Protein backbone atom coordinates (compact mmCIF):
# COMPACT_ATOMS: atom_id res chain seq x y z
CA MET A 1 11.24 -5.50 34.87
CA GLY A 2 11.45 -5.85 31.07
CA ILE A 3 12.35 -9.63 31.35
CA LEU A 4 9.07 -10.05 33.32
CA ALA A 5 6.99 -8.50 30.79
CA ALA A 6 8.63 -10.73 28.33
CA ILE A 7 7.77 -13.68 30.14
CA LYS A 8 4.32 -12.68 31.09
CA LYS A 9 3.51 -12.19 27.35
CA PHE A 10 4.59 -15.76 26.33
CA PHE A 11 2.81 -17.42 29.32
CA VAL A 12 -0.60 -15.35 29.38
CA PRO A 13 -3.53 -17.91 28.73
CA LYS A 14 -4.84 -17.95 25.07
CA GLN A 15 -8.26 -17.24 26.62
CA SER A 16 -7.12 -14.24 28.31
CA LYS A 17 -5.25 -12.95 25.14
CA GLN A 18 -8.70 -13.53 23.16
CA LYS A 19 -10.76 -11.54 25.91
CA THR A 20 -8.15 -8.79 25.45
CA ILE A 21 -8.27 -8.63 21.69
CA ILE A 22 -11.94 -8.79 21.85
CA LYS A 23 -12.17 -5.92 24.14
CA GLU A 24 -9.82 -3.92 22.16
CA LEU A 25 -11.85 -4.55 18.67
CA LYS A 26 -14.91 -3.31 20.60
CA THR A 27 -13.32 -0.06 21.29
CA LEU A 28 -12.41 0.89 17.70
CA ASP A 29 -13.73 4.08 16.18
CA TYR A 30 -15.95 3.80 13.12
CA THR A 31 -15.59 7.27 12.19
CA ASN A 32 -12.22 6.90 10.46
CA GLY A 33 -12.79 3.96 7.90
CA LYS A 34 -9.19 3.40 6.72
CA ASP A 35 -7.60 3.21 10.45
CA PHE A 36 -10.35 1.25 11.62
CA ALA A 37 -10.16 -1.29 8.73
CA TYR A 38 -6.28 -1.77 9.21
CA ARG A 39 -6.63 -1.96 12.98
CA PHE A 40 -9.57 -4.37 12.84
CA THR A 41 -7.82 -6.64 10.29
CA VAL A 42 -4.66 -6.89 12.33
CA LEU A 43 -6.52 -7.61 15.66
CA ALA A 44 -8.93 -10.07 14.34
CA ARG A 45 -6.27 -12.11 12.51
CA GLU A 46 -4.64 -12.52 15.96
CA LEU A 47 -7.87 -14.32 17.20
CA GLU A 48 -8.39 -18.08 17.16
CA LEU A 49 -11.69 -18.36 15.14
CA THR A 50 -14.09 -21.16 14.61
CA GLU A 51 -15.03 -22.07 10.94
CA ARG A 52 -18.14 -19.82 11.40
CA GLU A 53 -16.39 -16.92 12.80
CA LYS A 54 -13.70 -17.26 9.85
CA ARG A 55 -16.49 -16.89 7.11
CA LEU A 56 -17.89 -13.75 9.15
CA PHE A 57 -14.61 -12.23 9.35
CA ASP A 58 -13.90 -12.83 5.55
CA ASP A 59 -17.31 -11.05 4.69
CA VAL A 60 -16.27 -8.08 6.71
CA PHE A 61 -12.58 -8.21 5.54
CA ASP A 62 -14.12 -7.99 2.01
CA ASP A 63 -16.21 -4.89 2.98
CA LEU A 64 -13.14 -3.31 4.70
CA LYS A 65 -10.87 -3.40 1.57
CA GLN A 66 -12.86 -0.33 0.20
CA TYR A 67 -11.62 1.79 2.87
CA LYS A 68 -8.11 0.50 3.23
CA TYR A 69 -6.86 1.41 -0.41
CA LYS A 70 -8.16 4.90 -0.80
CA PRO A 71 -6.11 7.91 0.41
CA ASN A 72 -9.21 9.51 2.02
CA SER A 73 -11.79 7.09 3.44
CA ALA A 74 -15.17 8.09 5.19
CA THR A 75 -16.94 6.64 7.83
CA LEU A 76 -17.95 3.01 7.48
CA ASN A 77 -21.48 2.26 5.96
CA ASN A 78 -24.18 0.90 7.75
CA ALA A 79 -24.03 -2.41 5.97
CA THR A 80 -20.41 -2.94 6.94
CA ILE A 81 -21.16 -1.92 10.33
CA ALA A 82 -23.87 -4.65 10.68
CA LYS A 83 -21.50 -7.44 9.42
CA ILE A 84 -18.82 -6.10 12.06
CA GLU A 85 -21.59 -6.42 14.76
CA VAL A 86 -22.75 -9.88 13.74
CA PHE A 87 -19.06 -10.94 13.88
CA MET A 88 -18.28 -9.40 17.15
CA GLY A 89 -21.68 -11.15 18.47
CA ALA A 90 -20.27 -14.35 17.18
CA LEU A 91 -16.90 -13.96 19.27
CA ASP A 92 -19.07 -13.35 22.71
């Protein structure tokens, strides 16, 4: 069964992988800014993005830096959430 799972991982169509990542991005919790920032960044970097989506991601990434490098981070602010929603809307 382990071999089958490994083979399936390499042969999953890219479109399916994209959809899976997007679905996971949509389920992330905004309440813990630090965890969200790290998880969002890791997942979003796995996506194949257009130039417009890359620019939107860079804007979000810049905003998320303030949450990543603090020992205690708060809930994401409304401006950052709005940028994330614009990025996610561009992916659909």
